[in-house]
PDB file of N, CA and C in Angstrom:
ATOM      1  N   MET A   1      89.838  -4.520   8.344  1.00  0.00           N
ATOM      2  CA  MET A   1      89.050  -5.700   8.688  1.00  0.00           C
ATOM      3  C   MET A   1      88.715  -6.466   7.395  1.00  0.00           C
ATOM      4  N   ILE A   2      88.912  -7.742   7.398  1.00  0.00           N
ATOM      5  CA  ILE A   2      88.606  -8.588   6.250  1.00  0.00           C
ATOM      6  C   ILE A   2      87.145  -9.039   6.342  1.00  0.00           C
ATOM      7  N   THR A   3      86.415  -8.879   5.241  1.00  0.00           N
ATOM      8  CA  THR A   3      85.038  -9.350   5.159  1.00  0.00           C
ATOM      9  C   THR A   3      84.987 -10.473   4.130  1.00  0.00           C
ATOM     10  N   ILE A   4      84.486 -11.612   4.537  1.00  0.00           N
ATOM     11  CA  ILE A   4      84.343 -12.759   3.639  1.00  0.00           C
ATOM     12  C   ILE A   4      82.874 -13.153   3.618  1.00  0.00           C
ATOM     13  N   ASN A   5      82.303 -13.161   2.437  1.00  0.00           N
ATOM     14  CA  ASN A   5      80.908 -13.562   2.269  1.00  0.00           C
ATOM     15  C   ASN A   5      80.870 -14.843   1.455  1.00  0.00           C
ATOM     16  N   ARG A   6      80.059 -15.793   1.876  1.00  0.00           N
ATOM     17  CA  ARG A   6      79.858 -17.006   1.087  1.00  0.00           C
ATOM     18  C   ARG A   6      78.413 -17.447   1.250  1.00  0.00           C
ATOM     19  N   PHE A   7      77.960 -18.212   0.285  1.00  0.00           N
ATOM     20  CA  PHE A   7      76.573 -18.658   0.329  1.00  0.00           C
ATOM     21  C   PHE A   7      76.327 -19.521   1.563  1.00  0.00           C
ATOM     22  N   ASP A   8      75.206 -19.279   2.227  1.00  0.00           N
ATOM     23  CA  ASP A   8      74.817 -20.031   3.422  1.00  0.00           C
ATOM     24  C   ASP A   8      73.315 -20.319   3.326  1.00  0.00           C
ATOM     25  N   LYS A   9      72.960 -21.584   3.171  1.00  0.00           N
ATOM     26  CA  LYS A   9      71.545 -21.957   3.035  1.00  0.00           C
ATOM     27  C   LYS A   9      70.704 -21.460   4.203  1.00  0.00           C
ATOM     28  N   GLU A  10      71.289 -21.374   5.393  1.00  0.00           N
ATOM     29  CA  GLU A  10      70.538 -20.940   6.581  1.00  0.00           C
ATOM     30  C   GLU A  10      70.157 -19.458   6.498  1.00  0.00           C
ATOM     31  N   GLN A  11      70.935 -18.663   5.770  1.00  0.00           N
ATOM     32  CA  GLN A  11      70.653 -17.234   5.639  1.00  0.00           C
ATOM     33  C   GLN A  11      69.907 -16.908   4.346  1.00  0.00           C
ATOM     34  N   ALA A  12      69.793 -17.869   3.459  1.00  0.00           N
ATOM     35  CA  ALA A  12      69.170 -17.643   2.147  1.00  0.00           C
ATOM     36  C   ALA A  12      67.648 -17.577   2.268  1.00  0.00           C
ATOM     37  N   PHE A  13      67.032 -17.034   1.233  1.00  0.00           N
ATOM     38  CA  PHE A  13      65.571 -16.873   1.211  1.00  0.00           C
ATOM     39  C   PHE A  13      65.058 -17.302  -0.166  1.00  0.00           C
ATOM     40  N   PRO A  14      63.794 -17.749  -0.238  1.00  0.00           N
ATOM     41  CA  PRO A  14      63.234 -18.190  -1.521  1.00  0.00           C
ATOM     42  C   PRO A  14      63.071 -17.029  -2.504  1.00  0.00           C
ATOM     43  N   VAL A  15      63.460 -17.258  -3.753  1.00  0.00           N
ATOM     44  CA  VAL A  15      63.269 -16.293  -4.837  1.00  0.00           C
ATOM     45  C   VAL A  15      62.803 -17.033  -6.079  1.00  0.00           C
ATOM     46  N   HIS A  16      62.443 -16.295  -7.105  1.00  0.00           N
ATOM     47  CA  HIS A  16      61.917 -16.876  -8.349  1.00  0.00           C
ATOM     48  C   HIS A  16      60.786 -17.857  -8.043  1.00  0.00           C
ATOM     49  N   ASN A  17      59.771 -17.308  -7.357  1.00  0.00           N
ATOM     50  CA  ASN A  17      58.581 -18.089  -6.980  1.00  0.00           C
ATOM     51  C   ASN A  17      58.929 -19.314  -6.153  1.00  0.00           C
ATOM     52  N   GLY A  18      59.970 -19.191  -5.329  1.00  0.00           N
ATOM     53  CA  GLY A  18      60.353 -20.263  -4.421  1.00  0.00           C
ATOM     54  C   GLY A  18      61.089 -21.416  -5.080  1.00  0.00           C
ATOM     55  N   THR A  19      61.525 -21.250  -6.325  1.00  0.00           N
ATOM     56  CA  THR A  19      62.191 -22.351  -7.027  1.00  0.00           C
ATOM     57  C   THR A  19      63.683 -22.422  -6.743  1.00  0.00           C
ATOM     58  N   ILE A  20      64.273 -21.321  -6.243  1.00  0.00           N
ATOM     59  CA  ILE A  20      65.683 -21.317  -5.847  1.00  0.00           C
ATOM     60  C   ILE A  20      65.819 -20.576  -4.530  1.00  0.00           C
ATOM     61  N   LEU A  21      66.982 -20.703  -3.902  1.00  0.00           N
ATOM     62  CA  LEU A  21      67.322 -19.894  -2.734  1.00  0.00           C
ATOM     63  C   LEU A  21      68.249 -18.784  -3.192  1.00  0.00           C
ATOM     64  N   GLY A  22      68.093 -17.602  -2.615  1.00  0.00           N
ATOM     65  CA  GLY A  22      68.940 -16.471  -2.946  1.00  0.00           C
ATOM     66  C   GLY A  22      69.510 -15.847  -1.693  1.00  0.00           C
ATOM     67  N   MET A  23      70.637 -15.165  -1.854  1.00  0.00           N
ATOM     68  CA  MET A  23      71.277 -14.470  -0.737  1.00  0.00           C
ATOM     69  C   MET A  23      72.181 -13.386  -1.308  1.00  0.00           C
ATOM     70  N   LYS A  24      72.161 -12.208  -0.709  1.00  0.00           N
ATOM     71  CA  LYS A  24      73.051 -11.136  -1.150  1.00  0.00           C
ATOM     72  C   LYS A  24      74.503 -11.603  -1.016  1.00  0.00           C
ATOM     73  N   ALA A  25      75.321 -11.257  -1.995  1.00  0.00           N
ATOM     74  CA  ALA A  25      76.723 -11.681  -2.001  1.00  0.00           C
ATOM     75  C   ALA A  25      77.641 -10.631  -1.385  1.00  0.00           C
ATOM     76  N   PHE A  26      77.270  -9.355  -1.491  1.00  0.00           N
ATOM     77  CA  PHE A  26      78.111  -8.276  -0.996  1.00  0.00           C
ATOM     78  C   PHE A  26      77.395  -7.549   0.130  1.00  0.00           C
ATOM     79  N   SER A  27      78.150  -7.095   1.103  1.00  0.00           N
ATOM     80  CA  SER A  27      77.559  -6.382   2.232  1.00  0.00           C
ATOM     81  C   SER A  27      77.059  -5.014   1.779  1.00  0.00           C
ATOM     82  N   GLU A  28      76.104  -4.475   2.509  1.00  0.00           N
ATOM     83  CA  GLU A  28      75.542  -3.167   2.189  1.00  0.00           C
ATOM     84  C   GLU A  28      76.616  -2.079   2.213  1.00  0.00           C
ATOM     85  N   SER A  29      77.632  -2.234   3.045  1.00  0.00           N
ATOM     86  CA  SER A  29      78.682  -1.215   3.136  1.00  0.00           C
ATOM     87  C   SER A  29      79.497  -1.103   1.851  1.00  0.00           C
ATOM     88  N   MET A  30      79.490  -2.145   1.008  1.00  0.00           N
ATOM     89  CA  MET A  30      80.202  -2.107  -0.265  1.00  0.00           C
ATOM     90  C   MET A  30      79.514  -1.171  -1.258  1.00  0.00           C
ATOM     91  N   ASN A  31      78.179  -1.056  -1.157  1.00  0.00           N
ATOM     92  CA  ASN A  31      77.404  -0.216  -2.051  1.00  0.00           C
ATOM     93  C   ASN A  31      77.806  -0.425  -3.521  1.00  0.00           C
ATOM     94  N   PRO A  32      77.698  -1.655  -4.024  1.00  0.00           N
ATOM     95  CA  PRO A  32      78.146  -1.924  -5.395  1.00  0.00           C
ATOM     96  C   PRO A  32      77.269  -1.216  -6.434  1.00  0.00           C
ATOM     97  N   PRO A  33      77.832  -0.907  -7.600  1.00  0.00           N
ATOM     98  CA  PRO A  33      77.083  -0.207  -8.652  1.00  0.00           C
ATOM     99  C   PRO A  33      76.249  -1.150  -9.510  1.00  0.00           C
ATOM    100  N   PHE A  34      75.866  -2.281  -8.967  1.00  0.00           N
ATOM    101  CA  PHE A  34      75.086  -3.288  -9.670  1.00  0.00           C
ATOM    102  C   PHE A  34      74.264  -4.056  -8.649  1.00  0.00           C
ATOM    103  N   GLU A  35      73.281  -4.790  -9.124  1.00  0.00           N
ATOM    104  CA  GLU A  35      72.501  -5.682  -8.266  1.00  0.00           C
ATOM    105  C   GLU A  35      73.164  -7.053  -8.275  1.00  0.00           C
ATOM    106  N   HIS A  36      72.935  -7.843  -7.244  1.00  0.00           N
ATOM    107  CA  HIS A  36      73.618  -9.130  -7.128  1.00  0.00           C
ATOM    108  C   HIS A  36      72.853 -10.067  -6.204  1.00  0.00           C
ATOM    109  N   LEU A  37      73.051 -11.343  -6.437  1.00  0.00           N
ATOM    110  CA  LEU A  37      72.417 -12.352  -5.595  1.00  0.00           C
ATOM    111  C   LEU A  37      73.071 -13.700  -5.867  1.00  0.00           C
ATOM    112  N   TYR A  38      73.392 -14.412  -4.807  1.00  0.00           N
ATOM    113  CA  TYR A  38      73.732 -15.819  -4.983  1.00  0.00           C
ATOM    114  C   TYR A  38      72.458 -16.544  -5.379  1.00  0.00           C
ATOM    115  N   GLY A  39      72.567 -17.506  -6.256  1.00  0.00           N
ATOM    116  CA  GLY A  39      71.458 -18.390  -6.584  1.00  0.00           C
ATOM    117  C   GLY A  39      71.852 -19.804  -6.195  1.00  0.00           C
ATOM    118  N   HIS A  40      70.926 -20.536  -5.664  1.00  0.00           N
ATOM    119  CA  HIS A  40      71.199 -21.914  -5.237  1.00  0.00           C
ATOM    120  C   HIS A  40      70.023 -22.787  -5.661  1.00  0.00           C
ATOM    121  N   LEU A  41      70.327 -23.821  -6.393  1.00  0.00           N
ATOM    122  CA  LEU A  41      69.306 -24.721  -6.918  1.00  0.00           C
ATOM    123  C   LEU A  41      69.622 -26.135  -6.459  1.00  0.00           C
ATOM    124  N   GLU A  42      68.691 -26.727  -5.752  1.00  0.00           N
ATOM    125  CA  GLU A  42      68.892 -28.097  -5.291  1.00  0.00           C
ATOM    126  C   GLU A  42      68.896 -29.061  -6.479  1.00  0.00           C
ATOM    127  N   GLN A  43      69.287 -30.280  -6.218  1.00  0.00           N
ATOM    128  CA  GLN A  43      69.377 -31.298  -7.270  1.00  0.00           C
ATOM    129  C   GLN A  43      68.027 -31.498  -7.951  1.00  0.00           C
ATOM    130  N   ASN A  44      68.110 -31.760  -9.241  1.00  0.00           N
ATOM    131  CA  ASN A  44      66.942 -32.052 -10.074  1.00  0.00           C
ATOM    132  C   ASN A  44      65.874 -30.960 -10.009  1.00  0.00           C
ATOM    133  N   GLY A  45      66.320 -29.706 -10.054  1.00  0.00           N
ATOM    134  CA  GLY A  45      65.391 -28.583 -10.031  1.00  0.00           C
ATOM    135  C   GLY A  45      65.626 -27.645 -11.199  1.00  0.00           C
ATOM    136  N   ILE A  46      64.679 -26.743 -11.393  1.00  0.00           N
ATOM    137  CA  ILE A  46      64.806 -25.735 -12.451  1.00  0.00           C
ATOM    138  C   ILE A  46      64.306 -24.390 -11.926  1.00  0.00           C
ATOM    139  N   MET A  47      65.097 -23.336 -12.140  1.00  0.00           N
ATOM    140  CA  MET A  47      64.717 -22.000 -11.716  1.00  0.00           C
ATOM    141  C   MET A  47      63.469 -21.574 -12.490  1.00  0.00           C
ATOM    142  N   ASP A  48      62.568 -20.941 -11.821  1.00  0.00           N
ATOM    143  CA  ASP A  48      61.284 -20.489 -12.359  1.00  0.00           C
ATOM    144  C   ASP A  48      60.296 -21.637 -12.572  1.00  0.00           C
ATOM    145  N   GLY A  49      60.728 -22.871 -12.355  1.00  0.00           N
ATOM    146  CA  GLY A  49      59.837 -24.015 -12.486  1.00  0.00           C
ATOM    147  C   GLY A  49      59.560 -24.448 -13.907  1.00  0.00           C
ATOM    148  N   ASN A  50      60.222 -23.797 -14.891  1.00  0.00           N
ATOM    149  CA  ASN A  50      59.990 -24.171 -16.289  1.00  0.00           C
ATOM    150  C   ASN A  50      61.176 -23.744 -17.153  1.00  0.00           C
ATOM    151  N   ARG A  51      61.245 -24.279 -18.350  1.00  0.00           N
ATOM    152  CA  ARG A  51      62.350 -23.988 -19.274  1.00  0.00           C
ATOM    153  C   ARG A  51      62.208 -22.630 -19.964  1.00  0.00           C
ATOM    154  N   GLN A  52      61.051 -21.983 -19.856  1.00  0.00           N
ATOM    155  CA  GLN A  52      60.875 -20.668 -20.468  1.00  0.00           C
ATOM    156  C   GLN A  52      61.600 -19.589 -19.668  1.00  0.00           C
ATOM    157  N   GLY A  53      61.725 -19.796 -18.361  1.00  0.00           N
ATOM    158  CA  GLY A  53      62.454 -18.866 -17.517  1.00  0.00           C
ATOM    159  C   GLY A  53      61.815 -17.504 -17.411  1.00  0.00           C
ATOM    160  N   HIS A  54      62.655 -16.495 -17.333  1.00  0.00           N
ATOM    161  CA  HIS A  54      62.200 -15.121 -17.192  1.00  0.00           C
ATOM    162  C   HIS A  54      63.110 -14.216 -18.019  1.00  0.00           C
ATOM    163  N   ALA A  55      62.691 -12.988 -18.223  1.00  0.00           N
ATOM    164  CA  ALA A  55      63.483 -12.005 -18.972  1.00  0.00           C
ATOM    165  C   ALA A  55      63.342 -10.651 -18.298  1.00  0.00           C
ATOM    166  N   HIS A  56      64.341  -9.810 -18.485  1.00  0.00           N
ATOM    167  CA  HIS A  56      64.306  -8.447 -17.971  1.00  0.00           C
ATOM    168  C   HIS A  56      65.208  -7.575 -18.840  1.00  0.00           C
ATOM    169  N   PRO A  57      65.046  -6.269 -18.768  1.00  0.00           N
ATOM    170  CA  PRO A  57      65.779  -5.377 -19.688  1.00  0.00           C
ATOM    171  C   PRO A  57      67.232  -5.102 -19.293  1.00  0.00           C
ATOM    172  N   THR A  58      67.754  -5.808 -18.301  1.00  0.00           N
ATOM    173  CA  THR A  58      69.118  -5.555 -17.844  1.00  0.00           C
ATOM    174  C   THR A  58      70.083  -6.612 -18.358  1.00  0.00           C
ATOM    175  N   LYS A  59      71.359  -6.223 -18.455  1.00  0.00           N
ATOM    176  CA  LYS A  59      72.422  -7.182 -18.742  1.00  0.00           C
ATOM    177  C   LYS A  59      72.668  -7.979 -17.473  1.00  0.00           C
ATOM    178  N   GLU A  60      73.109  -9.236 -17.621  1.00  0.00           N
ATOM    179  CA  GLU A  60      73.321 -10.077 -16.449  1.00  0.00           C
ATOM    180  C   GLU A  60      74.427 -11.086 -16.739  1.00  0.00           C
ATOM    181  N   ILE A  61      75.159 -11.437 -15.698  1.00  0.00           N
ATOM    182  CA  ILE A  61      76.109 -12.549 -15.799  1.00  0.00           C
ATOM    183  C   ILE A  61      75.872 -13.499 -14.640  1.00  0.00           C
ATOM    184  N   TYR A  62      76.122 -14.772 -14.893  1.00  0.00           N
ATOM    185  CA  TYR A  62      76.125 -15.792 -13.856  1.00  0.00           C
ATOM    186  C   TYR A  62      77.544 -16.334 -13.761  1.00  0.00           C
ATOM    187  N   ILE A  63      78.050 -16.445 -12.552  1.00  0.00           N
ATOM    188  CA  ILE A  63      79.344 -17.080 -12.308  1.00  0.00           C
ATOM    189  C   ILE A  63      79.056 -18.339 -11.496  1.00  0.00           C
ATOM    190  N   ILE A  64      79.314 -19.491 -12.076  1.00  0.00           N
ATOM    191  CA  ILE A  64      79.011 -20.760 -11.417  1.00  0.00           C
ATOM    192  C   ILE A  64      80.096 -21.063 -10.389  1.00  0.00           C
ATOM    193  N   PHE A  65      79.686 -21.295  -9.142  1.00  0.00           N
ATOM    194  CA  PHE A  65      80.630 -21.570  -8.062  1.00  0.00           C
ATOM    195  C   PHE A  65      80.738 -23.045  -7.723  1.00  0.00           C
ATOM    196  N   ALA A  66      79.616 -23.740  -7.738  1.00  0.00           N
ATOM    197  CA  ALA A  66      79.629 -25.144  -7.324  1.00  0.00           C
ATOM    198  C   ALA A  66      78.566 -25.906  -8.090  1.00  0.00           C
ATOM    199  N   GLY A  67      78.883 -27.140  -8.424  1.00  0.00           N
ATOM    200  CA  GLY A  67      77.936 -28.008  -9.093  1.00  0.00           C
ATOM    201  C   GLY A  67      78.017 -27.901 -10.602  1.00  0.00           C
ATOM    202  N   GLU A  68      77.032 -28.505 -11.231  1.00  0.00           N
ATOM    203  CA  GLU A  68      76.933 -28.455 -12.683  1.00  0.00           C
ATOM    204  C   GLU A  68      75.471 -28.543 -13.080  1.00  0.00           C
ATOM    205  N   GLY A  69      75.179 -28.033 -14.255  1.00  0.00           N
ATOM    206  CA  GLY A  69      73.805 -28.030 -14.732  1.00  0.00           C
ATOM    207  C   GLY A  69      73.748 -27.504 -16.146  1.00  0.00           C
ATOM    208  N   PHE A  70      72.657 -26.839 -16.456  1.00  0.00           N
ATOM    209  CA  PHE A  70      72.451 -26.299 -17.794  1.00  0.00           C
ATOM    210  C   PHE A  70      71.882 -24.896 -17.676  1.00  0.00           C
ATOM    211  N   VAL A  71      72.329 -24.016 -18.559  1.00  0.00           N
ATOM    212  CA  VAL A  71      71.724 -22.711 -18.688  1.00  0.00           C
ATOM    213  C   VAL A  71      70.946 -22.724 -19.994  1.00  0.00           C
ATOM    214  N   ILE A  72      69.761 -22.130 -19.957  1.00  0.00           N
ATOM    215  CA  ILE A  72      68.904 -22.057 -21.135  1.00  0.00           C
ATOM    216  C   ILE A  72      68.626 -20.580 -21.394  1.00  0.00           C
ATOM    217  N   ILE A  73      69.054 -20.101 -22.565  1.00  0.00           N
ATOM    218  CA  ILE A  73      68.844 -18.710 -22.954  1.00  0.00           C
ATOM    219  C   ILE A  73      68.168 -18.718 -24.318  1.00  0.00           C
ATOM    220  N   ASN A  74      66.952 -18.153 -24.372  1.00  0.00           N
ATOM    221  CA  ASN A  74      66.187 -18.102 -25.629  1.00  0.00           C
ATOM    222  C   ASN A  74      66.123 -19.464 -26.312  1.00  0.00           C
ATOM    223  N   ASP A  75      65.790 -20.498 -25.581  1.00  0.00           N
ATOM    224  CA  ASP A  75      65.639 -21.867 -26.095  1.00  0.00           C
ATOM    225  C   ASP A  75      66.951 -22.529 -26.507  1.00  0.00           C
ATOM    226  N   GLU A  76      68.100 -21.871 -26.290  1.00  0.00           N
ATOM    227  CA  GLU A  76      69.406 -22.484 -26.539  1.00  0.00           C
ATOM    228  C   GLU A  76      69.936 -22.995 -25.204  1.00  0.00           C
ATOM    229  N   GLU A  77      70.409 -24.229 -25.173  1.00  0.00           N
ATOM    230  CA  GLU A  77      70.846 -24.865 -23.937  1.00  0.00           C
ATOM    231  C   GLU A  77      72.339 -25.157 -23.995  1.00  0.00           C
ATOM    232  N   ALA A  78      73.032 -24.943 -22.863  1.00  0.00           N
ATOM    233  CA  ALA A  78      74.461 -25.246 -22.781  1.00  0.00           C
ATOM    234  C   ALA A  78      74.779 -25.781 -21.388  1.00  0.00           C
ATOM    235  N   PRO A  79      75.674 -26.772 -21.292  1.00  0.00           N
ATOM    236  CA  PRO A  79      76.088 -27.266 -19.982  1.00  0.00           C
ATOM    237  C   PRO A  79      76.983 -26.247 -19.283  1.00  0.00           C
ATOM    238  N   VAL A  80      76.866 -26.159 -17.956  1.00  0.00           N
ATOM    239  CA  VAL A  80      77.696 -25.266 -17.155  1.00  0.00           C
ATOM    240  C   VAL A  80      78.218 -26.020 -15.941  1.00  0.00           C
ATOM    241  N   ARG A  81      79.354 -25.529 -15.431  1.00  0.00           N
ATOM    242  CA  ARG A  81      79.954 -26.138 -14.235  1.00  0.00           C
ATOM    243  C   ARG A  81      80.758 -25.074 -13.503  1.00  0.00           C
ATOM    244  N   ALA A  82      81.251 -25.413 -12.329  1.00  0.00           N
ATOM    245  CA  ALA A  82      82.008 -24.471 -11.510  1.00  0.00           C
ATOM    246  C   ALA A  82      83.131 -23.843 -12.324  1.00  0.00           C
ATOM    247  N   GLY A  83      83.238 -22.516 -12.235  1.00  0.00           N
ATOM    248  CA  GLY A  83      84.251 -21.766 -12.959  1.00  0.00           C
ATOM    249  C   GLY A  83      83.737 -21.092 -14.212  1.00  0.00           C
ATOM    250  N   ASP A  84      82.556 -21.483 -14.686  1.00  0.00           N
ATOM    251  CA  ASP A  84      82.000 -20.888 -15.902  1.00  0.00           C
ATOM    252  C   ASP A  84      81.377 -19.517 -15.620  1.00  0.00           C
ATOM    253  N   VAL A  85      81.471 -18.636 -16.616  1.00  0.00           N
ATOM    254  CA  VAL A  85      80.829 -17.323 -16.582  1.00  0.00           C
ATOM    255  C   VAL A  85      79.880 -17.255 -17.772  1.00  0.00           C
ATOM    256  N   ILE A  86      78.610 -16.998 -17.504  1.00  0.00           N
ATOM    257  CA  ILE A  86      77.587 -16.980 -18.545  1.00  0.00           C
ATOM    258  C   ILE A  86      77.126 -15.543 -18.745  1.00  0.00           C
ATOM    259  N   GLU A  87      77.138 -15.064 -19.987  1.00  0.00           N
ATOM    260  CA  GLU A  87      76.657 -13.734 -20.316  1.00  0.00           C
ATOM    261  C   GLU A  87      75.213 -13.837 -20.809  1.00  0.00           C
ATOM    262  N   ILE A  88      74.331 -13.062 -20.195  1.00  0.00           N
ATOM    263  CA  ILE A  88      72.915 -13.088 -20.557  1.00  0.00           C
ATOM    264  C   ILE A  88      72.542 -11.711 -21.111  1.00  0.00           C
ATOM    265  N   PRO A  89      72.227 -11.625 -22.398  1.00  0.00           N
ATOM    266  CA  PRO A  89      71.870 -10.333 -23.001  1.00  0.00           C
ATOM    267  C   PRO A  89      70.550  -9.799 -22.447  1.00  0.00           C
ATOM    268  N   PRO A  90      70.346  -8.495 -22.510  1.00  0.00           N
ATOM    269  CA  PRO A  90      69.079  -7.912 -22.060  1.00  0.00           C
ATOM    270  C   PRO A  90      67.898  -8.501 -22.831  1.00  0.00           C
ATOM    271  N   ASN A  91      66.759  -8.593 -22.160  1.00  0.00           N
ATOM    272  CA  ASN A  91      65.498  -9.053 -22.745  1.00  0.00           C
ATOM    273  C   ASN A  91      65.548 -10.489 -23.260  1.00  0.00           C
ATOM    274  N   SER A  92      66.494 -11.267 -22.788  1.00  0.00           N
ATOM    275  CA  SER A  92      66.594 -12.676 -23.182  1.00  0.00           C
ATOM    276  C   SER A  92      65.941 -13.553 -22.123  1.00  0.00           C
ATOM    277  N   SER A  93      65.096 -14.455 -22.560  1.00  0.00           N
ATOM    278  CA  SER A  93      64.505 -15.422 -21.646  1.00  0.00           C
ATOM    279  C   SER A  93      65.612 -16.360 -21.172  1.00  0.00           C
ATOM    280  N   HIS A  94      65.702 -16.582 -19.852  1.00  0.00           N
ATOM    281  CA  HIS A  94      66.779 -17.423 -19.336  1.00  0.00           C
ATOM    282  C   HIS A  94      66.372 -18.126 -18.048  1.00  0.00           C
ATOM    283  N   THR A  95      67.004 -19.288 -17.837  1.00  0.00           N
ATOM    284  CA  THR A  95      66.807 -20.066 -16.625  1.00  0.00           C
ATOM    285  C   THR A  95      68.007 -20.987 -16.432  1.00  0.00           C
ATOM    286  N   VAL A  96      68.038 -21.639 -15.286  1.00  0.00           N
ATOM    287  CA  VAL A  96      69.083 -22.605 -14.958  1.00  0.00           C
ATOM    288  C   VAL A  96      68.401 -23.899 -14.547  1.00  0.00           C
ATOM    289  N   GLU A  97      68.937 -25.013 -15.029  1.00  0.00           N
ATOM    290  CA  GLU A  97      68.384 -26.323 -14.690  1.00  0.00           C
ATOM    291  C   GLU A  97      69.484 -27.201 -14.104  1.00  0.00           C
ATOM    292  N   ASN A  98      69.148 -27.893 -13.035  1.00  0.00           N
ATOM    293  CA  ASN A  98      70.077 -28.804 -12.384  1.00  0.00           C
ATOM    294  C   ASN A  98      69.519 -30.215 -12.508  1.00  0.00           C
ATOM    295  N   ARG A  99      70.133 -31.024 -13.342  1.00  0.00           N
ATOM    296  CA  ARG A  99      69.685 -32.411 -13.532  1.00  0.00           C
ATOM    297  C   ARG A  99      70.556 -33.387 -12.750  1.00  0.00           C
ATOM    298  N   SER A 100      71.464 -32.862 -11.955  1.00  0.00           N
ATOM    299  CA  SER A 100      72.401 -33.717 -11.226  1.00  0.00           C
ATOM    300  C   SER A 100      71.881 -34.034  -9.830  1.00  0.00           C
ATOM    301  N   GLY A 101      72.604 -34.840  -9.135  1.00  0.00           N
ATOM    302  CA  GLY A 101      72.248 -35.214  -7.770  1.00  0.00           C
ATOM    303  C   GLY A 101      72.893 -34.332  -6.721  1.00  0.00           C
ATOM    304  N   LYS A 102      73.543 -33.216  -7.165  1.00  0.00           N
ATOM    305  CA  LYS A 102      74.214 -32.302  -6.242  1.00  0.00           C
ATOM    306  C   LYS A 102      73.697 -30.883  -6.461  1.00  0.00           C
ATOM    307  N   PRO A 103      73.736 -30.036  -5.429  1.00  0.00           N
ATOM    308  CA  PRO A 103      73.283 -28.658  -5.577  1.00  0.00           C
ATOM    309  C   PRO A 103      74.147 -27.864  -6.570  1.00  0.00           C
ATOM    310  N   LEU A 104      73.557 -26.809  -7.122  1.00  0.00           N
ATOM    311  CA  LEU A 104      74.215 -25.901  -8.055  1.00  0.00           C
ATOM    312  C   LEU A 104      74.125 -24.494  -7.459  1.00  0.00           C
ATOM    313  N   THR A 105      75.273 -23.813  -7.351  1.00  0.00           N
ATOM    314  CA  THR A 105      75.308 -22.474  -6.761  1.00  0.00           C
ATOM    315  C   THR A 105      76.045 -21.524  -7.696  1.00  0.00           C
ATOM    316  N   TRP A 106      75.485 -20.332  -7.888  1.00  0.00           N
ATOM    317  CA  TRP A 106      76.092 -19.332  -8.769  1.00  0.00           C
ATOM    318  C   TRP A 106      75.876 -17.943  -8.189  1.00  0.00           C
ATOM    319  N   LEU A 107      76.621 -16.975  -8.733  1.00  0.00           N
ATOM    320  CA  LEU A 107      76.434 -15.577  -8.400  1.00  0.00           C
ATOM    321  C   LEU A 107      75.845 -14.892  -9.623  1.00  0.00           C
ATOM    322  N   ALA A 108      74.748 -14.212  -9.437  1.00  0.00           N
ATOM    323  CA  ALA A 108      74.118 -13.421 -10.507  1.00  0.00           C
ATOM    324  C   ALA A 108      74.425 -11.951 -10.242  1.00  0.00           C
ATOM    325  N   ILE A 109      74.871 -11.262 -11.311  1.00  0.00           N
ATOM    326  CA  ILE A 109      75.132  -9.825 -11.228  1.00  0.00           C
ATOM    327  C   ILE A 109      74.422  -9.184 -12.414  1.00  0.00           C
ATOM    328  N   TRP A 110      73.610  -8.150 -12.150  1.00  0.00           N
ATOM    329  CA  TRP A 110      72.895  -7.482 -13.239  1.00  0.00           C
ATOM    330  C   TRP A 110      72.936  -5.973 -13.072  1.00  0.00           C
ATOM    331  N   TRP A 111      72.837  -5.283 -14.212  1.00  0.00           N
ATOM    332  CA  TRP A 111      72.907  -3.831 -14.254  1.00  0.00           C
ATOM    333  C   TRP A 111      72.212  -3.334 -15.508  1.00  0.00           C
ATOM    334  N   SER A 112      71.862  -2.042 -15.511  1.00  0.00           N
ATOM    335  CA  SER A 112      71.179  -1.454 -16.659  1.00  0.00           C
ATOM    336  C   SER A 112      72.122  -1.292 -17.819  1.00  0.00           C
TER     337      SER A 112
END
């Protein structure tokens, strides 16, 4: 049986203090060895509501699926767009900002 998962705003739920929508990317039956979540940011928004973002002791990557915006890691800013993979070191403050008129969607994967 083929299983296809894609981001769906109707199934998503608020995360990061309600600043983005999130949704699990892999089914529970996959039992992946990492944590994961689609992130979705509407136009002209910023995850966490500020440029300081958040930090945690795990390694993390973001894979941008749709849209364009900016990733901010430890006060360093870089433009991102669909197809980009962003590496976020442990304990680094990070956030995503969407200054465009279109939504931005990515997959976040993190592990110890």
